[in-house]
Each structure stands twice: as structure tokens, then as C-alpha cells.
Amino acid sequence: MRIIYDEDKRLKVLTERQLDFDDAAELFEAFHLTRRDGRDYDEERFISIGELKDQVILVVWTPREGSRRIITMWKADYGEREKFYERRDRSG
């Protein structure tokens, strides 16, 4: 699936968190977990967690015209990493 994003937001996250929206496709190509973001937005949003360059990363995204529009991403905290590894290991 194609990845799209706002370039200004990409540069902000790249500078502040050293994470590049351009790399998000790698997370979706490997084992990852996705849940619907239950907060009230103008659009349907999802939060996915997976590995990217040997780190566990969370990505907030929304479906947009056959693409995934990346909204933001960040490095998982300890609890998020532990839950991800537990679910991944249970999946076989």
C-alpha cells in the first residue's frame, strides 16, 4: 500500500524523533498490530505498532484514497514494547 503524508509534519517528526515517515511502509510489510483509534476525529484513524530498524514504533494513520496517510509516529515505551513482543511471540 502506498504511503502519503504532510511533508512539514514528516520533517518535524524526523527532526524531533529521528523517525522518517518514508520508512513506515517497512513496518506494515512485517508483523504488526493495528487497532482503531477510538478518539473522536473528523476521520477514521488507526494506530499500528511494529518493528522498524530494530526499534518498536507506533504509527498513527488514516486510509486515504487507497493509501495510508501517516499522521505521526513515535518510539514505543517499555510497556508498549513488552505488549508487542508478547503478542508477536504468541502469534507463532
C-alpha atoms as a PDB file:
ATOM      1  CA  MET A   1       0.000   0.000   0.000  1.00  0.00           C
ATOM      2  CA  ARG A   2       1.215   3.472  -0.838  1.00  0.00           C
ATOM      3  CA  ILE A   3       2.298   5.803   1.987  1.00  0.00           C
ATOM      4  CA  ILE A   4       1.426   9.513   1.890  1.00  0.00           C
ATOM      5  CA  TYR A   5       1.924  12.297   4.445  1.00  0.00           C
ATOM      6  CA  ASP A   6       2.284  16.007   5.042  1.00  0.00           C
ATOM      7  CA  GLU A   7       5.914  16.916   4.277  1.00  0.00           C
ATOM      8  CA  ASP A   8       6.111  19.588   7.016  1.00  0.00           C
ATOM      9  CA  LYS A   9       4.922  17.079   9.634  1.00  0.00           C
ATOM     10  CA  ARG A  10       7.392  14.483   8.300  1.00  0.00           C
ATOM     11  CA  LEU A  11      10.286  16.915   8.728  1.00  0.00           C
ATOM     12  CA  LYS A  12       9.152  17.856  12.241  1.00  0.00           C
ATOM     13  CA  VAL A  13       8.987  14.202  13.375  1.00  0.00           C
ATOM     14  CA  LEU A  14      12.283  13.439  11.624  1.00  0.00           C
ATOM     15  CA  THR A  15      13.981  16.303  13.476  1.00  0.00           C
ATOM     16  CA  GLU A  16      12.387  15.721  16.888  1.00  0.00           C
ATOM     17  CA  ARG A  17      12.222  11.889  16.969  1.00  0.00           C
ATOM     18  CA  GLN A  18      14.659  10.744  14.267  1.00  0.00           C
ATOM     19  CA  LEU A  19      11.841   8.761  12.617  1.00  0.00           C
ATOM     20  CA  ASP A  20      11.045   9.129   8.928  1.00  0.00           C
ATOM     21  CA  PHE A  21       7.534   8.694   7.545  1.00  0.00           C
ATOM     22  CA  ASP A  22       9.211   7.429   4.362  1.00  0.00           C
ATOM     23  CA  ASP A  23      10.173   4.269   6.303  1.00  0.00           C
ATOM     24  CA  ALA A  24       6.633   3.485   7.525  1.00  0.00           C
ATOM     25  CA  ALA A  25       5.948   1.004   4.702  1.00  0.00           C
ATOM     26  CA  GLU A  26       8.597  -1.318   6.204  1.00  0.00           C
ATOM     27  CA  LEU A  27       6.583  -1.550   9.427  1.00  0.00           C
ATOM     28  CA  PHE A  28       3.442  -2.582   7.520  1.00  0.00           C
ATOM     29  CA  GLU A  29       5.323  -5.219   5.497  1.00  0.00           C
ATOM     30  CA  ALA A  30       6.341  -7.158   8.626  1.00  0.00           C
ATOM     31  CA  PHE A  31       4.389  -8.437  11.632  1.00  0.00           C
ATOM     32  CA  HIS A  32       2.421  -5.567  13.140  1.00  0.00           C
ATOM     33  CA  LEU A  33      -0.718  -4.982  15.177  1.00  0.00           C
ATOM     34  CA  THR A  34      -3.367  -2.421  14.336  1.00  0.00           C
ATOM     35  CA  ARG A  35      -6.317  -1.077  16.294  1.00  0.00           C
ATOM     36  CA  ARG A  36      -8.858   1.616  15.600  1.00  0.00           C
ATOM     37  CA  ASP A  37      -8.190   4.891  17.424  1.00  0.00           C
ATOM     38  CA  GLY A  38     -11.378   5.388  19.425  1.00  0.00           C
ATOM     39  CA  ARG A  39     -10.981   9.119  19.901  1.00  0.00           C
ATOM     40  CA  ASP A  40     -13.322  11.483  18.070  1.00  0.00           C
ATOM     41  CA  TYR A  41     -11.727  12.842  14.886  1.00  0.00           C
ATOM     42  CA  ASP A  42     -13.110  14.039  11.562  1.00  0.00           C
ATOM     43  CA  GLU A  43     -11.724  10.849  10.009  1.00  0.00           C
ATOM     44  CA  GLU A  44     -11.222   7.207  10.892  1.00  0.00           C
ATOM     45  CA  ARG A  45      -7.761   6.717  12.415  1.00  0.00           C
ATOM     46  CA  PHE A  46      -5.728   3.654  13.269  1.00  0.00           C
ATOM     47  CA  ILE A  47      -2.708   3.008  15.481  1.00  0.00           C
ATOM     48  CA  SER A  48      -0.254   0.342  14.366  1.00  0.00           C
ATOM     49  CA  ILE A  49       2.708  -0.997  16.289  1.00  0.00           C
ATOM     50  CA  GLY A  50       5.579  -2.925  14.773  1.00  0.00           C
ATOM     51  CA  GLU A  51       9.316  -3.065  14.294  1.00  0.00           C
ATOM     52  CA  LEU A  52      11.255  -0.614  12.188  1.00  0.00           C
ATOM     53  CA  LYS A  53      15.045  -0.635  12.041  1.00  0.00           C
ATOM     54  CA  ASP A  54      15.343  -2.741  15.230  1.00  0.00           C
ATOM     55  CA  GLN A  55      13.010  -0.486  17.218  1.00  0.00           C
ATOM     56  CA  VAL A  56       9.347  -0.868  18.144  1.00  0.00           C
ATOM     57  CA  ILE A  57       7.430   2.039  16.640  1.00  0.00           C
ATOM     58  CA  LEU A  58       3.826   3.242  16.805  1.00  0.00           C
ATOM     59  CA  VAL A  59       2.271   4.851  13.732  1.00  0.00           C
ATOM     60  CA  VAL A  60      -0.996   6.775  13.609  1.00  0.00           C
ATOM     61  CA  TRP A  61      -2.539   6.710  10.154  1.00  0.00           C
ATOM     62  CA  THR A  62      -5.764   7.044   8.218  1.00  0.00           C
ATOM     63  CA  PRO A  63      -6.904   5.392   4.988  1.00  0.00           C
ATOM     64  CA  ARG A  64      -6.920   7.904   2.151  1.00  0.00           C
ATOM     65  CA  GLU A  65      -7.751   7.058  -1.479  1.00  0.00           C
ATOM     66  CA  GLY A  66      -6.124   3.620  -1.447  1.00  0.00           C
ATOM     67  CA  SER A  67      -3.144   4.847   0.590  1.00  0.00           C
ATOM     68  CA  ARG A  68      -2.144   5.069   4.218  1.00  0.00           C
ATOM     69  CA  ARG A  69      -1.757   8.706   5.224  1.00  0.00           C
ATOM     70  CA  ILE A  70       0.737   8.870   8.085  1.00  0.00           C
ATOM     71  CA  ILE A  71      -0.244  11.335  10.798  1.00  0.00           C
ATOM     72  CA  THR A  72       2.571  10.741  13.278  1.00  0.00           C
ATOM     73  CA  MET A  73       4.905   8.110  14.660  1.00  0.00           C
ATOM     74  CA  TRP A  74       6.956   7.600  17.816  1.00  0.00           C
ATOM     75  CA  LYS A  75       9.180   5.084  19.566  1.00  0.00           C
ATOM     76  CA  ALA A  76       7.294   2.700  21.845  1.00  0.00           C
ATOM     77  CA  ASP A  77       7.781   2.980  25.574  1.00  0.00           C
ATOM     78  CA  TYR A  78       8.726  -0.022  27.716  1.00  0.00           C
ATOM     79  CA  GLY A  79       5.142  -1.166  28.326  1.00  0.00           C
ATOM     80  CA  GLU A  80       4.192  -0.841  24.664  1.00  0.00           C
ATOM     81  CA  ARG A  81       7.265  -2.851  23.626  1.00  0.00           C
ATOM     82  CA  GLU A  82       6.539  -5.611  26.137  1.00  0.00           C
ATOM     83  CA  LYS A  83       2.911  -5.952  24.976  1.00  0.00           C
ATOM     84  CA  PHE A  84       4.006  -6.005  21.332  1.00  0.00           C
ATOM     85  CA  TYR A  85       6.632  -8.710  21.902  1.00  0.00           C
ATOM     86  CA  GLU A  86       4.175 -10.790  23.919  1.00  0.00           C
ATOM     87  CA  ARG A  87       1.547 -10.646  21.152  1.00  0.00           C
ATOM     88  CA  ARG A  88       4.132 -11.281  18.442  1.00  0.00           C
ATOM     89  CA  ASP A  89       5.526 -14.309  20.249  1.00  0.00           C
ATOM     90  CA  ARG A  90       2.031 -15.739  20.801  1.00  0.00           C
ATOM     91  CA  SER A  91       1.217 -15.384  17.109  1.00  0.00           C
ATOM     92  CA  GLY A  92       3.825 -18.001  16.218  1.00  0.00           C
END
